[in-house]
Structures are given as C-alpha cells and as structure tokens.
Amino acid sequence: MLHRFKDYLTILLILLPGSISAQELNCNIQISAQRIQGSNRQVFESMQRDLFEFMNNKVWTNHVFSYAERIDCNILINLTDQLSADEFKGTIQIQLSRPVFNTTYNSTMLNFIDNSFQFRYVEFQPLEFDPSTYKSSLVSVLAYYTYMILGFDYDSFALLGGTEFFQMAEKIVTSAQNAPEPGWKPYDGSRNRNRYWLVKNALDKEYEGVRQFLYDYNINGLDKMESKIAEARTSMVESLKLIQDVYRKKPDPFMYLVQIVMDSKSDELINIFSEAFPEEKSRVIQILIEIDPANKAKYEKINSANVP
C-alpha cells in the first residue's frame, strides 16, 4: 500500500487495530437545485444521500486505508435544468485536498468545474458501477472523478503513483464513447476541456512533467515547509520548471492538465512566495507568468509583499 503522510498514523494503528477500513474517500456531496422550480424537492435529498453513499461506501481499489488516511474531497453539483421527470442538467465541481506533513494545513490539489454534466436519476434505483460497461452517465461521471481524485492524490505521494487510477478513468471514458450525454468524446465542449482530454493528458508521456511536478512540489516542497522553509521554496521553484518544460514543448494547443493544476495552485504559490527573498520572487514570477499567463496580474502581486 502507498503510505500517506499522517504523523499520527502509526499510533492510531497500534491503539485502534480495528480502525482499518477499505473505503478510500471522505467525500462531501452537495447538491443545489435552486434553479429548478416546481419539482418534487424530496428527490434532491434522496439524490444527495444516494450519491454520498455511493462515493463513500464503495471500495474503489484493492489498497487498505485506515480511517485517518481517507482522501478528503468535495463534489458540488449545481442543477440548472430538469429535462424530463428523471433527467437533469448542470455542473459538477471537483475539489481535492492533501494534508501537508507535520502540519494542520491542507493543500488544494484540484478545484475545477465540469460544465457538461447531464444524467438520469431515478429515486430508489440502486447506483451500480461496472468499469467496462456504460450503464448511466451519473454513475460513470462519479466513478471517473473518483479515479481522477485517486490518481492525483497518489501522484503527490509517489512518483507517477496514480497511473493505475488514471488508467481506470480512461477505461470509463472508452466505455462511454457511444453515450448520448456530453463530456466523453474528444470534440465535446470547447478548447479540449472535457473528461476525455483530462485523462488523456494525464496518461500522455509528453505531460509526464506535470505529474512529476505534483510529486516534487509536495514531497520536496510543501512537506518540508514546516522544518526547512528556504530549502522547500527552492525545491518548489525547481518543480515548477517541470511544468515550464511541458509548456514550452506544447503537446497540444490547450494543455488542459496544465491549466487544471495551475488553477489549483496559483493562490497557494502566491502566498508561499510572497515571503521569499527578492531574487527568488523574480525567478518564480517569471516562470509562473510564462506557464499561466491568464493569471499574470495575480502573480505580479508577489512582488508587492514585504521582503523577509
């Protein structure tokens, strides 16, 4: 099993031998249906309960997790339209956080919105998942993002450690290619921002530097911030060069994976390097503006912070 960095884990396992759990996720589910008028509101309560149980009670891997090791994530579903008695349309937001070693701080790993969420939900009908068969959009989307969450989380603790989970997500995408709902095919959406391209990028050798960044940034950067702050910041700058190298090679014009990662890390990077020395600030700002030009104004704020 991949050992996650919880400083109290060993004590927990010794004192609570019965605390081993098969479930991997501690997933909070929220459903907003305020824009849907005149429908049975009870169905949304049932939907939220069913989705919570599906995500948190299902065993997704053959790895063993203790209760303390479960991965913290949030899924926020905003329903905008009811297309029929049992068909809904809206967005799904995925949020993943990772504990930083020897601190109480949780670092954001993912925070993005999928705008192509359309599905059927029948109250009291079991949610059943088969990775090789497309049974429903709802189940497949939830399973897909479960494996993407696992992939990103594992990548942050072991170099390319999430590959097996990204491969499972890819399998779900493949089985959904004939699905009538959007988000699964290469041409769905705009600027390659869909489930197909996200997992394709994650498994593409040309994007491997982004996944190496996830490991180096967390293990050699964030996890050392509490004890070796200067060394940790230097490692973070070096890890950003891995994304810079991918960006310069431009595997495709849109680089969805790069944008997903940078969107999740931009605020954290600003906070961390606002406390750096001027030379280090200058180096990191230059890299950040190059690889994430949309947030240029945000990154320039690093220079306005006080010099340590």
Foldseek 3Di string as FASTA:
>chain_A
DQDAADPCVVVCCVVCVPQKDQWAAPEQEEEAEPQDPDADPVQVVLVRVQLNCVNGVDRLDPDIDGPVRHWYKYKYWYWNDDPDNFKTAAKIWIWGWGDAHPDRDIATQFTDMDRQQIWGDDGPDHQDDDLQACDISVNLVSLLVSLVNQLLHLLQRDPSRSVVSLVSSQSSLVNCPPPPGFQRDQPGDPLSPGSNSQSVLSPDPLNSLVSRLSHQLRPQARNCCVPCVVRNLVSNLVSLVSLVVSQVVCPDDRPNNLVRRCVRCVVVVLVSLLAEAPVSLVSSLVSCCSSPVVCNVVSVCSVVHDYD
